[in-house]
């Protein structure tokens, strides 16, 4: 395929990763309107680690995902206790707040002008070209789909279905509802952060808007 269509396929795969991450949250009957912030945290973290500190991609991606997991855990401890319309509004609020940090922290993120000169993605050996990067992103999508299927068919998935149907009933049957909700939220944030890392390395320039 021409490079243009390869780029479209890579972009579809990145958005698919974000959608898979959201499926973890939606599977427990929750709604998150601020998930783009986790994509941004992953993108900025891995780009800054690689560009400004020389950390290789094989290490910067896991570190960025780990950072996003910590951020998601902190936010989840506060927001996942909310009920009804308060939960999606709270997720929207911290999503906007993180976006404001991306714009305002000019010395670190480049502000509204964006962050460029991201080093090329190199896993082992020389940097990957456009087609190899697109193939790698689709491999990540396949692995994420496989992992999501295994988790959703397992014990956590069964509890998630029960929570979505009736949270009180799930609690009555001995399910640790808060813990399962937190696990789903953190997993979704980690998947979104991975999508952000891949977006940063593929585009090599991004801004708070994107």
N, C-alpha and C. Protein backbone atom coordinates (compact mmCIF):
# COMPACT_ATOMS: atom_id res chain seq x y z
N UNK A 1 0.84 -1.20 0.00
CA UNK A 1 0.00 0.00 0.00
C UNK A 1 0.87 1.25 0.00
N UNK A 2 0.36 2.36 -0.56
CA UNK A 2 1.07 3.63 -0.42
C UNK A 2 1.18 4.04 1.05
N UNK A 3 2.17 4.86 1.35
CA UNK A 3 2.44 5.26 2.73
C UNK A 3 1.22 5.94 3.36
N UNK A 4 0.47 6.69 2.57
CA UNK A 4 -0.71 7.39 3.10
C UNK A 4 -1.70 6.40 3.71
N UNK A 5 -1.97 5.31 2.99
CA UNK A 5 -2.94 4.33 3.50
C UNK A 5 -2.37 3.53 4.66
N UNK A 6 -1.06 3.31 4.65
CA UNK A 6 -0.43 2.67 5.80
C UNK A 6 -0.61 3.53 7.05
N UNK A 7 -0.46 4.85 6.88
CA UNK A 7 -0.67 5.77 7.99
C UNK A 7 -2.09 5.73 8.51
N UNK A 8 -3.06 5.64 7.61
CA UNK A 8 -4.46 5.54 8.02
C UNK A 8 -4.69 4.27 8.84
N UNK A 9 -4.14 3.16 8.37
CA UNK A 9 -4.30 1.89 9.09
C UNK A 9 -3.64 1.95 10.47
N UNK A 10 -2.50 2.61 10.55
CA UNK A 10 -1.83 2.75 11.85
C UNK A 10 -2.66 3.59 12.80
N UNK A 11 -3.26 4.67 12.28
CA UNK A 11 -4.11 5.52 13.11
C UNK A 11 -5.34 4.77 13.59
N UNK A 12 -5.92 3.96 12.72
CA UNK A 12 -7.06 3.13 13.12
C UNK A 12 -6.66 2.19 14.25
N UNK A 13 -5.48 1.60 14.15
CA UNK A 13 -5.02 0.66 15.18
C UNK A 13 -4.82 1.36 16.52
N UNK A 14 -4.26 2.57 16.49
CA UNK A 14 -4.05 3.33 17.73
C UNK A 14 -5.38 3.63 18.40
N UNK A 15 -6.36 4.07 17.61
CA UNK A 15 -7.68 4.35 18.18
C UNK A 15 -8.36 3.06 18.65
N UNK A 16 -8.08 1.96 17.99
CA UNK A 16 -8.63 0.68 18.43
C UNK A 16 -8.10 0.30 19.81
N UNK A 17 -6.83 0.58 20.06
CA UNK A 17 -6.27 0.31 21.38
C UNK A 17 -6.99 1.11 22.46
N UNK A 18 -7.25 2.38 22.17
CA UNK A 18 -7.98 3.21 23.14
C UNK A 18 -9.38 2.64 23.38
N UNK A 19 -10.03 2.20 22.31
CA UNK A 19 -11.38 1.63 22.44
C UNK A 19 -11.37 0.34 23.26
N UNK A 20 -10.34 -0.48 23.07
CA UNK A 20 -10.22 -1.71 23.86
C UNK A 20 -10.06 -1.36 25.35
N UNK A 21 -9.25 -0.33 25.62
CA UNK A 21 -9.10 0.11 27.00
C UNK A 21 -10.40 0.60 27.60
N UNK A 22 -11.16 1.35 26.84
CA UNK A 22 -12.46 1.82 27.33
C UNK A 22 -13.41 0.66 27.59
N UNK A 23 -13.25 -0.42 26.85
CA UNK A 23 -14.12 -1.58 27.05
C UNK A 23 -13.98 -2.15 28.45
N UNK A 24 -12.78 -2.07 29.04
CA UNK A 24 -12.60 -2.54 30.40
C UNK A 24 -13.49 -1.75 31.36
N UNK A 25 -13.54 -0.43 31.17
CA UNK A 25 -14.35 0.42 32.05
C UNK A 25 -15.84 0.19 31.79
N UNK A 26 -16.21 0.20 30.52
CA UNK A 26 -17.63 0.02 30.18
C UNK A 26 -18.13 -1.36 30.61
N UNK A 27 -17.23 -2.34 30.67
CA UNK A 27 -17.62 -3.68 31.08
C UNK A 27 -18.11 -3.76 32.50
N UNK A 28 -17.72 -2.79 33.33
CA UNK A 28 -18.19 -2.75 34.71
C UNK A 28 -19.33 -1.76 34.90
N UNK A 29 -19.88 -1.27 33.79
CA UNK A 29 -21.01 -0.35 33.88
C UNK A 29 -20.63 1.07 34.20
N UNK A 30 -19.35 1.43 34.05
CA UNK A 30 -18.89 2.78 34.32
C UNK A 30 -18.68 3.53 33.00
N UNK A 31 -18.63 4.84 33.08
CA UNK A 31 -18.40 5.68 31.91
C UNK A 31 -17.25 6.62 32.22
N UNK A 32 -16.29 6.68 31.31
CA UNK A 32 -15.16 7.60 31.47
C UNK A 32 -15.12 8.55 30.27
N UNK A 33 -15.20 9.84 30.55
CA UNK A 33 -15.16 10.85 29.49
C UNK A 33 -13.81 11.56 29.43
N UNK A 34 -12.85 11.09 30.22
CA UNK A 34 -11.55 11.76 30.26
C UNK A 34 -10.40 10.87 29.84
N UNK A 35 -10.70 9.80 29.10
CA UNK A 35 -9.66 8.84 28.77
C UNK A 35 -8.61 9.38 27.82
N UNK A 36 -8.93 10.41 27.07
CA UNK A 36 -7.93 11.01 26.19
C UNK A 36 -6.75 11.53 27.00
N UNK A 37 -6.98 11.89 28.26
CA UNK A 37 -5.89 12.38 29.10
C UNK A 37 -4.84 11.29 29.33
N UNK A 38 -5.28 10.04 29.47
CA UNK A 38 -4.32 8.94 29.65
C UNK A 38 -3.50 8.73 28.38
N UNK A 39 -4.13 8.89 27.23
CA UNK A 39 -3.39 8.82 25.96
C UNK A 39 -2.31 9.91 25.95
N UNK A 40 -2.69 11.10 26.40
CA UNK A 40 -1.73 12.21 26.43
C UNK A 40 -0.60 11.98 27.41
N UNK A 41 -0.91 11.45 28.58
CA UNK A 41 0.13 11.17 29.57
C UNK A 41 1.14 10.18 29.01
N UNK A 42 0.64 9.12 28.37
CA UNK A 42 1.55 8.15 27.77
C UNK A 42 2.40 8.74 26.67
N UNK A 43 1.78 9.55 25.81
CA UNK A 43 2.51 10.15 24.69
C UNK A 43 3.59 11.11 25.17
N UNK A 44 3.22 12.01 26.08
CA UNK A 44 4.19 12.99 26.56
C UNK A 44 5.30 12.33 27.36
N UNK A 45 4.94 11.37 28.20
CA UNK A 45 5.96 10.74 29.05
C UNK A 45 7.02 10.03 28.21
N UNK A 46 6.59 9.20 27.25
CA UNK A 46 7.58 8.44 26.48
C UNK A 46 8.38 9.36 25.56
N UNK A 47 7.73 10.41 25.01
CA UNK A 47 8.45 11.33 24.14
C UNK A 47 9.50 12.12 24.91
N UNK A 48 9.15 12.59 26.11
CA UNK A 48 10.10 13.35 26.92
C UNK A 48 11.24 12.45 27.40
N UNK A 49 10.92 11.24 27.83
CA UNK A 49 11.97 10.32 28.27
C UNK A 49 12.96 10.03 27.14
N UNK A 50 12.44 9.82 25.93
CA UNK A 50 13.32 9.45 24.82
C UNK A 50 14.07 10.66 24.27
N UNK A 51 13.34 11.75 24.06
CA UNK A 51 13.96 12.92 23.42
C UNK A 51 14.90 13.68 24.34
N UNK A 52 14.47 13.90 25.60
CA UNK A 52 15.23 14.76 26.50
C UNK A 52 16.19 14.00 27.41
N UNK A 53 15.95 12.70 27.59
CA UNK A 53 16.80 11.95 28.53
C UNK A 53 17.46 10.74 27.90
N UNK A 54 17.22 10.49 26.62
CA UNK A 54 17.90 9.42 25.92
C UNK A 54 17.49 8.02 26.32
N UNK A 55 16.32 7.86 26.92
CA UNK A 55 15.85 6.54 27.33
C UNK A 55 15.37 5.79 26.09
N UNK A 56 15.81 4.57 25.84
CA UNK A 56 15.37 3.83 24.65
C UNK A 56 13.88 3.50 24.73
N UNK A 57 13.30 3.30 23.54
CA UNK A 57 11.86 3.05 23.47
C UNK A 57 11.45 1.81 24.24
N UNK A 58 12.30 0.77 24.22
CA UNK A 58 11.98 -0.47 24.92
C UNK A 58 11.82 -0.27 26.42
N UNK A 59 12.38 0.81 26.95
CA UNK A 59 12.26 1.12 28.37
C UNK A 59 11.29 2.27 28.62
N UNK A 60 11.26 3.24 27.71
CA UNK A 60 10.40 4.41 27.93
C UNK A 60 8.91 4.05 27.85
N UNK A 61 8.56 3.10 26.98
CA UNK A 61 7.14 2.72 26.87
C UNK A 61 6.64 2.06 28.16
N UNK A 62 7.34 1.04 28.71
CA UNK A 62 6.87 0.49 30.00
C UNK A 62 6.84 1.51 31.12
N UNK A 63 7.84 2.41 31.18
CA UNK A 63 7.86 3.42 32.23
C UNK A 63 6.68 4.38 32.09
N UNK A 64 6.36 4.75 30.86
CA UNK A 64 5.24 5.65 30.63
C UNK A 64 3.91 5.00 31.00
N UNK A 65 3.77 3.72 30.65
CA UNK A 65 2.55 2.99 31.03
C UNK A 65 2.45 2.88 32.54
N UNK A 66 3.58 2.62 33.20
CA UNK A 66 3.58 2.53 34.67
C UNK A 66 3.20 3.86 35.31
N UNK A 67 3.71 4.96 34.76
CA UNK A 67 3.33 6.28 35.26
C UNK A 67 1.84 6.51 35.13
N UNK A 68 1.28 6.11 34.00
CA UNK A 68 -0.15 6.29 33.77
C UNK A 68 -0.97 5.40 34.72
N UNK A 69 -0.46 4.23 35.03
CA UNK A 69 -1.14 3.35 35.98
C UNK A 69 -1.21 4.02 37.36
N UNK A 70 -0.12 4.65 37.77
CA UNK A 70 -0.10 5.35 39.06
C UNK A 70 -1.10 6.51 39.05
N UNK A 71 -1.10 7.29 37.98
CA UNK A 71 -2.04 8.41 37.87
C UNK A 71 -3.48 7.90 37.90
N UNK A 72 -3.75 6.81 37.17
CA UNK A 72 -5.10 6.26 37.12
C UNK A 72 -5.52 5.74 38.49
N UNK A 73 -4.58 5.13 39.22
CA UNK A 73 -4.92 4.62 40.55
C UNK A 73 -5.31 5.75 41.49
N UNK A 74 -4.54 6.83 41.44
CA UNK A 74 -4.84 7.99 42.30
C UNK A 74 -6.19 8.59 41.94
N UNK A 75 -6.43 8.79 40.64
CA UNK A 75 -7.71 9.36 40.21
C UNK A 75 -8.86 8.40 40.50
N UNK A 76 -8.61 7.10 40.31
CA UNK A 76 -9.66 6.12 40.55
C UNK A 76 -10.08 6.06 42.00
N UNK A 77 -9.12 6.23 42.93
CA UNK A 77 -9.46 6.22 44.35
C UNK A 77 -10.46 7.31 44.70
N UNK A 78 -10.42 8.40 43.95
CA UNK A 78 -11.31 9.52 44.22
C UNK A 78 -12.61 9.40 43.45
N UNK A 79 -12.52 9.12 42.16
CA UNK A 79 -13.70 9.23 41.29
C UNK A 79 -14.57 7.98 41.26
N UNK A 80 -14.00 6.79 41.46
CA UNK A 80 -14.79 5.57 41.31
C UNK A 80 -15.79 5.37 42.44
N UNK A 81 -15.70 6.18 43.49
CA UNK A 81 -16.69 6.11 44.56
C UNK A 81 -17.97 6.84 44.20
N UNK A 82 -17.92 7.65 43.16
CA UNK A 82 -19.08 8.45 42.79
C UNK A 82 -20.12 7.59 42.08
N UNK A 83 -21.34 8.05 42.07
CA UNK A 83 -22.45 7.31 41.48
C UNK A 83 -23.22 8.21 40.51
N UNK A 84 -23.97 7.58 39.64
CA UNK A 84 -24.86 8.32 38.73
C UNK A 84 -24.10 9.21 37.77
N UNK A 85 -24.60 10.42 37.57
CA UNK A 85 -23.98 11.35 36.63
C UNK A 85 -22.69 11.95 37.17
N UNK A 86 -22.46 11.80 38.47
CA UNK A 86 -21.26 12.41 39.06
C UNK A 86 -19.98 11.78 38.53
N UNK A 87 -20.01 10.46 38.27
CA UNK A 87 -18.80 9.77 37.81
C UNK A 87 -18.33 10.27 36.44
N UNK A 88 -19.18 10.25 35.40
CA UNK A 88 -18.70 10.76 34.10
C UNK A 88 -18.31 12.23 34.14
N UNK A 89 -19.02 13.04 34.95
CA UNK A 89 -18.64 14.45 35.06
C UNK A 89 -17.28 14.60 35.73
N UNK A 90 -17.00 13.77 36.72
CA UNK A 90 -15.69 13.83 37.39
C UNK A 90 -14.58 13.43 36.43
N UNK A 91 -14.80 12.38 35.64
CA UNK A 91 -13.77 11.96 34.67
C UNK A 91 -13.55 13.04 33.61
N UNK A 92 -14.63 13.70 33.22
CA UNK A 92 -14.49 14.81 32.27
C UNK A 92 -13.67 15.95 32.89
N UNK A 93 -13.89 16.20 34.19
CA UNK A 93 -13.19 17.29 34.87
C UNK A 93 -11.69 17.04 34.93
N UNK A 94 -11.28 15.81 35.37
CA UNK A 94 -9.84 15.61 35.43
C UNK A 94 -9.23 15.45 34.04
N UNK A 95 -10.00 15.05 33.07
CA UNK A 95 -9.49 15.04 31.70
C UNK A 95 -9.16 16.44 31.21
N UNK A 96 -10.07 17.37 31.51
CA UNK A 96 -9.82 18.77 31.14
C UNK A 96 -8.64 19.34 31.92
N UNK A 97 -8.55 18.98 33.20
CA UNK A 97 -7.46 19.48 34.04
C UNK A 97 -6.10 19.03 33.52
N UNK A 98 -5.99 17.77 33.12
CA UNK A 98 -4.72 17.27 32.59
C UNK A 98 -4.39 17.95 31.26
N UNK A 99 -5.42 18.19 30.44
CA UNK A 99 -5.21 18.92 29.18
C UNK A 99 -4.67 20.31 29.45
N UNK A 100 -5.20 20.98 30.48
CA UNK A 100 -4.70 22.31 30.85
C UNK A 100 -3.23 22.24 31.27
N UNK A 101 -2.86 21.17 31.96
CA UNK A 101 -1.45 21.00 32.34
C UNK A 101 -0.56 20.85 31.10
N UNK A 102 -1.03 20.10 30.11
CA UNK A 102 -0.27 19.95 28.87
C UNK A 102 -0.04 21.30 28.19
N UNK A 103 -1.06 22.14 28.19
CA UNK A 103 -0.96 23.45 27.54
C UNK A 103 -0.11 24.41 28.36
N UNK A 104 -0.30 24.38 29.69
CA UNK A 104 0.35 25.37 30.53
C UNK A 104 1.80 25.08 30.88
N UNK A 105 2.19 23.81 30.91
CA UNK A 105 3.55 23.46 31.30
C UNK A 105 4.47 23.55 30.08
N UNK A 106 4.67 24.77 29.62
CA UNK A 106 5.37 25.01 28.36
C UNK A 106 6.81 24.50 28.38
N UNK A 107 7.49 24.66 29.50
CA UNK A 107 8.91 24.28 29.56
C UNK A 107 9.11 22.78 29.39
N UNK A 108 8.09 21.99 29.71
CA UNK A 108 8.22 20.53 29.62
C UNK A 108 7.53 19.97 28.38
N UNK A 109 6.33 20.45 28.09
CA UNK A 109 5.52 19.86 27.02
C UNK A 109 5.52 20.66 25.73
N UNK A 110 6.05 21.88 25.77
CA UNK A 110 5.99 22.72 24.58
C UNK A 110 4.72 23.52 24.47
N UNK A 111 3.80 23.32 25.41
CA UNK A 111 2.56 24.09 25.42
C UNK A 111 1.67 23.80 24.24
N UNK A 112 0.93 24.81 23.83
CA UNK A 112 -0.01 24.65 22.72
C UNK A 112 0.70 24.41 21.40
N UNK A 113 1.98 24.79 21.30
CA UNK A 113 2.73 24.60 20.06
C UNK A 113 3.06 23.13 19.80
N UNK A 114 2.98 22.32 20.82
CA UNK A 114 3.21 20.89 20.64
C UNK A 114 4.65 20.48 20.94
N UNK A 115 4.87 19.20 20.86
CA UNK A 115 6.18 18.61 21.15
C UNK A 115 6.63 17.84 19.91
N UNK A 116 7.76 18.25 19.37
CA UNK A 116 8.27 17.63 18.15
C UNK A 116 9.63 17.01 18.34
N UNK A 117 10.22 16.59 17.23
CA UNK A 117 11.55 15.97 17.22
C UNK A 117 11.61 14.72 18.10
N UNK A 118 10.49 13.97 18.12
CA UNK A 118 10.49 12.71 18.86
C UNK A 118 11.38 11.73 18.10
N UNK A 119 12.33 11.09 18.77
CA UNK A 119 13.22 10.14 18.07
C UNK A 119 12.43 9.01 17.43
N UNK A 120 12.96 8.43 16.36
CA UNK A 120 12.26 7.31 15.72
C UNK A 120 12.18 6.09 16.63
N UNK A 121 11.17 5.28 16.39
CA UNK A 121 10.96 4.08 17.20
C UNK A 121 11.95 3.00 16.80
N UNK A 122 12.72 2.54 17.75
CA UNK A 122 13.68 1.45 17.52
C UNK A 122 13.55 0.48 18.68
N UNK A 123 13.06 -0.71 18.40
CA UNK A 123 12.89 -1.72 19.44
C UNK A 123 14.18 -2.50 19.62
N UNK A 124 14.62 -3.17 18.56
CA UNK A 124 15.90 -3.87 18.55
C UNK A 124 16.56 -3.59 17.20
N UNK A 125 17.74 -3.00 17.23
CA UNK A 125 18.42 -2.70 15.98
C UNK A 125 18.06 -1.31 15.45
N UNK A 126 18.06 -1.15 14.12
CA UNK A 126 17.82 0.16 13.53
C UNK A 126 16.38 0.61 13.72
N UNK A 127 16.10 1.93 13.55
CA UNK A 127 14.74 2.44 13.69
C UNK A 127 13.79 1.78 12.68
N UNK A 128 12.54 1.61 13.08
CA UNK A 128 11.55 0.99 12.22
C UNK A 128 11.03 2.00 11.21
N UNK A 129 10.79 1.53 9.98
CA UNK A 129 10.17 2.40 8.99
C UNK A 129 8.66 2.44 9.21
N UNK A 130 7.96 3.18 8.33
CA UNK A 130 6.53 3.40 8.51
C UNK A 130 5.75 2.10 8.53
N UNK A 131 6.05 1.21 7.60
CA UNK A 131 5.29 -0.04 7.51
C UNK A 131 5.55 -0.95 8.70
N UNK A 132 6.78 -1.01 9.14
CA UNK A 132 7.09 -1.86 10.29
C UNK A 132 6.45 -1.30 11.56
N UNK A 133 6.41 0.02 11.69
CA UNK A 133 5.75 0.61 12.86
C UNK A 133 4.25 0.29 12.83
N UNK A 134 3.64 0.42 11.66
CA UNK A 134 2.21 0.10 11.54
C UNK A 134 1.95 -1.37 11.88
N UNK A 135 2.83 -2.25 11.42
CA UNK A 135 2.68 -3.68 11.73
C UNK A 135 2.81 -3.93 13.22
N UNK A 136 3.78 -3.26 13.87
CA UNK A 136 3.96 -3.42 15.31
C UNK A 136 2.73 -2.95 16.08
N UNK A 137 2.14 -1.84 15.65
CA UNK A 137 0.94 -1.32 16.32
C UNK A 137 -0.20 -2.32 16.20
N UNK A 138 -0.37 -2.93 15.03
CA UNK A 138 -1.43 -3.91 14.86
C UNK A 138 -1.17 -5.18 15.67
N UNK A 139 0.10 -5.53 15.84
CA UNK A 139 0.42 -6.66 16.72
C UNK A 139 -0.02 -6.35 18.15
N UNK A 140 0.21 -5.11 18.59
CA UNK A 140 -0.22 -4.70 19.93
C UNK A 140 -1.74 -4.76 20.05
N UNK A 141 -2.45 -4.38 18.99
CA UNK A 141 -3.91 -4.47 19.00
C UNK A 141 -4.35 -5.92 19.15
N UNK A 142 -3.72 -6.82 18.39
CA UNK A 142 -4.07 -8.23 18.49
C UNK A 142 -3.82 -8.79 19.88
N UNK A 143 -2.69 -8.44 20.48
CA UNK A 143 -2.39 -8.90 21.83
C UNK A 143 -3.38 -8.33 22.84
N UNK A 144 -3.75 -7.06 22.67
CA UNK A 144 -4.71 -6.44 23.58
C UNK A 144 -6.08 -7.11 23.47
N UNK A 145 -6.50 -7.43 22.25
CA UNK A 145 -7.78 -8.13 22.05
C UNK A 145 -7.74 -9.51 22.72
N UNK A 146 -6.63 -10.21 22.54
CA UNK A 146 -6.50 -11.54 23.15
C UNK A 146 -6.55 -11.44 24.67
N UNK A 147 -5.81 -10.47 25.23
CA UNK A 147 -5.79 -10.31 26.68
C UNK A 147 -7.17 -9.92 27.21
N UNK A 148 -7.84 -9.01 26.50
CA UNK A 148 -9.17 -8.58 26.93
C UNK A 148 -10.14 -9.77 26.93
N UNK A 149 -10.07 -10.60 25.90
CA UNK A 149 -10.94 -11.77 25.84
C UNK A 149 -10.69 -12.73 26.98
N UNK A 150 -9.40 -12.97 27.29
CA UNK A 150 -9.07 -13.88 28.39
C UNK A 150 -9.57 -13.32 29.73
N UNK A 151 -9.34 -12.03 29.95
CA UNK A 151 -9.77 -11.42 31.21
C UNK A 151 -11.28 -11.40 31.34
N UNK A 152 -11.97 -11.06 30.25
CA UNK A 152 -13.42 -10.92 30.31
C UNK A 152 -14.12 -12.27 30.44
N UNK A 153 -13.46 -13.33 30.00
CA UNK A 153 -14.03 -14.67 30.18
C UNK A 153 -13.66 -15.29 31.52
N UNK A 154 -12.76 -14.64 32.25
CA UNK A 154 -12.32 -15.16 33.54
C UNK A 154 -13.15 -14.63 34.69
N UNK A 155 -12.61 -14.78 35.89
CA UNK A 155 -13.34 -14.41 37.10
C UNK A 155 -13.64 -12.91 37.13
N UNK A 156 -12.64 -12.08 36.78
CA UNK A 156 -12.86 -10.64 36.79
C UNK A 156 -13.95 -10.26 35.80
N UNK A 157 -13.96 -10.89 34.64
CA UNK A 157 -14.99 -10.60 33.66
C UNK A 157 -16.38 -10.97 34.14
N UNK A 158 -16.48 -12.12 34.80
CA UNK A 158 -17.79 -12.53 35.32
C UNK A 158 -18.29 -11.57 36.39
N UNK A 159 -17.37 -11.12 37.26
CA UNK A 159 -17.76 -10.14 38.28
C UNK A 159 -18.15 -8.82 37.62
N UNK A 160 -17.40 -8.42 36.57
CA UNK A 160 -17.72 -7.18 35.87
C UNK A 160 -19.12 -7.23 35.27
N UNK A 161 -19.48 -8.36 34.68
CA UNK A 161 -20.83 -8.50 34.13
C UNK A 161 -21.88 -8.40 35.23
N UNK A 162 -21.59 -9.00 36.39
CA UNK A 162 -22.53 -8.92 37.50
C UNK A 162 -22.67 -7.49 38.01
N UNK A 163 -21.54 -6.76 38.07
CA UNK A 163 -21.58 -5.36 38.52
C UNK A 163 -22.40 -4.53 37.55
N UNK A 164 -22.20 -4.75 36.27
CA UNK A 164 -22.94 -3.98 35.27
C UNK A 164 -24.43 -4.27 35.35
N UNK A 165 -24.79 -5.52 35.64
CA UNK A 165 -26.20 -5.87 35.74
C UNK A 165 -26.82 -5.34 37.03
N UNK A 166 -26.12 -5.56 38.16
CA UNK A 166 -26.66 -5.13 39.44
C UNK A 166 -25.53 -5.16 40.46
N UNK A 167 -24.99 -4.00 40.80
CA UNK A 167 -23.85 -3.92 41.70
C UNK A 167 -24.13 -4.45 43.08
N UNK A 168 -25.33 -4.17 43.61
CA UNK A 168 -25.67 -4.64 44.95
C UNK A 168 -25.73 -6.16 45.01
N UNK A 169 -26.26 -6.77 43.95
CA UNK A 169 -26.33 -8.22 43.88
C UNK A 169 -24.93 -8.82 43.87
N UNK A 170 -24.03 -8.21 43.09
CA UNK A 170 -22.65 -8.72 43.04
C UNK A 170 -22.00 -8.65 44.41
N UNK A 171 -22.25 -7.57 45.15
CA UNK A 171 -21.70 -7.44 46.50
C UNK A 171 -22.29 -8.50 47.43
N UNK A 172 -23.58 -8.76 47.28
CA UNK A 172 -24.24 -9.75 48.13
C UNK A 172 -23.68 -11.15 47.92
N UNK A 173 -23.18 -11.42 46.72
CA UNK A 173 -22.60 -12.73 46.43
C UNK A 173 -21.10 -12.79 46.76
N UNK A 174 -20.60 -11.77 47.43
CA UNK A 174 -19.22 -11.81 47.92
C UNK A 174 -18.19 -11.19 47.01
N UNK A 175 -18.61 -10.54 45.92
CA UNK A 175 -17.65 -9.92 45.00
C UNK A 175 -17.08 -8.64 45.59
N UNK A 176 -15.78 -8.44 45.43
CA UNK A 176 -15.14 -7.20 45.87
C UNK A 176 -15.32 -6.16 44.76
N UNK A 177 -16.45 -5.49 44.77
CA UNK A 177 -16.82 -4.59 43.68
C UNK A 177 -15.82 -3.44 43.52
N UNK A 178 -15.44 -2.72 44.59
CA UNK A 178 -14.48 -1.62 44.40
C UNK A 178 -13.15 -2.08 43.79
N UNK A 179 -12.66 -3.25 44.22
CA UNK A 179 -11.38 -3.74 43.70
C UNK A 179 -11.46 -4.06 42.21
N UNK A 180 -12.57 -4.69 41.79
CA UNK A 180 -12.73 -5.03 40.38
C UNK A 180 -12.86 -3.77 39.53
N UNK A 181 -13.61 -2.80 40.04
CA UNK A 181 -13.73 -1.53 39.31
C UNK A 181 -12.38 -0.85 39.16
N UNK A 182 -11.58 -0.88 40.23
CA UNK A 182 -10.26 -0.26 40.17
C UNK A 182 -9.36 -0.98 39.17
N UNK A 183 -9.38 -2.32 39.19
CA UNK A 183 -8.56 -3.09 38.25
C UNK A 183 -8.95 -2.77 36.81
N UNK A 184 -10.26 -2.70 36.54
CA UNK A 184 -10.71 -2.39 35.18
C UNK A 184 -10.28 -1.00 34.77
N UNK A 185 -10.37 -0.05 35.70
CA UNK A 185 -10.01 1.34 35.40
C UNK A 185 -8.51 1.46 35.12
N UNK A 186 -7.70 0.80 35.94
CA UNK A 186 -6.24 0.86 35.77
C UNK A 186 -5.83 0.16 34.48
N UNK A 187 -6.43 -0.98 34.17
CA UNK A 187 -6.12 -1.66 32.91
C UNK A 187 -6.49 -0.81 31.71
N UNK A 188 -7.62 -0.12 31.79
CA UNK A 188 -8.03 0.74 30.67
C UNK A 188 -7.06 1.89 30.49
N UNK A 189 -6.58 2.46 31.61
CA UNK A 189 -5.62 3.55 31.53
C UNK A 189 -4.29 3.08 30.95
N UNK A 190 -3.86 1.87 31.33
CA UNK A 190 -2.61 1.33 30.80
C UNK A 190 -2.68 1.12 29.30
N UNK A 191 -3.83 0.61 28.83
CA UNK A 191 -4.00 0.40 27.39
C UNK A 191 -4.02 1.73 26.64
N UNK A 192 -4.68 2.73 27.23
CA UNK A 192 -4.70 4.06 26.61
C UNK A 192 -3.31 4.67 26.57
N UNK A 193 -2.52 4.47 27.64
CA UNK A 193 -1.16 4.99 27.67
C UNK A 193 -0.29 4.32 26.60
N UNK A 194 -0.46 3.02 26.41
CA UNK A 194 0.27 2.33 25.34
C UNK A 194 -0.09 2.92 23.98
N UNK A 195 -1.37 3.19 23.78
CA UNK A 195 -1.78 3.83 22.52
C UNK A 195 -1.13 5.19 22.35
N UNK A 196 -1.03 5.95 23.45
CA UNK A 196 -0.38 7.26 23.38
C UNK A 196 1.10 7.15 23.04
N UNK A 197 1.79 6.18 23.63
CA UNK A 197 3.20 5.96 23.32
C UNK A 197 3.40 5.65 21.84
N UNK A 198 2.59 4.75 21.32
CA UNK A 198 2.71 4.37 19.91
C UNK A 198 2.37 5.55 19.01
N UNK A 199 1.40 6.36 19.42
CA UNK A 199 1.04 7.56 18.64
C UNK A 199 2.23 8.52 18.58
N UNK A 200 2.88 8.73 19.72
CA UNK A 200 4.01 9.66 19.76
C UNK A 200 5.14 9.19 18.87
N UNK A 201 5.46 7.90 18.92
CA UNK A 201 6.55 7.39 18.11
C UNK A 201 6.19 7.31 16.63
N UNK A 202 4.92 7.12 16.34
CA UNK A 202 4.54 7.04 14.93
C UNK A 202 4.49 8.43 14.29
N UNK A 203 3.85 9.38 14.96
CA UNK A 203 3.69 10.72 14.39
C UNK A 203 4.96 11.56 14.55
N UNK A 204 5.66 11.36 15.69
CA UNK A 204 6.89 12.08 16.02
C UNK A 204 6.65 13.57 16.24
N UNK A 205 5.41 13.99 16.24
CA UNK A 205 5.01 15.33 16.65
C UNK A 205 3.56 15.25 17.08
N UNK A 206 3.25 15.90 18.19
CA UNK A 206 1.87 15.96 18.65
C UNK A 206 1.71 17.17 19.54
N UNK A 207 0.47 17.52 19.80
CA UNK A 207 0.13 18.68 20.62
C UNK A 207 -1.00 18.31 21.56
N UNK A 208 -1.32 19.16 22.54
CA UNK A 208 -2.45 18.86 23.41
C UNK A 208 -3.76 18.64 22.64
N UNK A 209 -3.93 19.32 21.55
CA UNK A 209 -5.16 19.15 20.76
C UNK A 209 -5.29 17.73 20.22
N UNK A 210 -4.20 17.22 19.66
CA UNK A 210 -4.27 15.85 19.12
C UNK A 210 -4.36 14.83 20.22
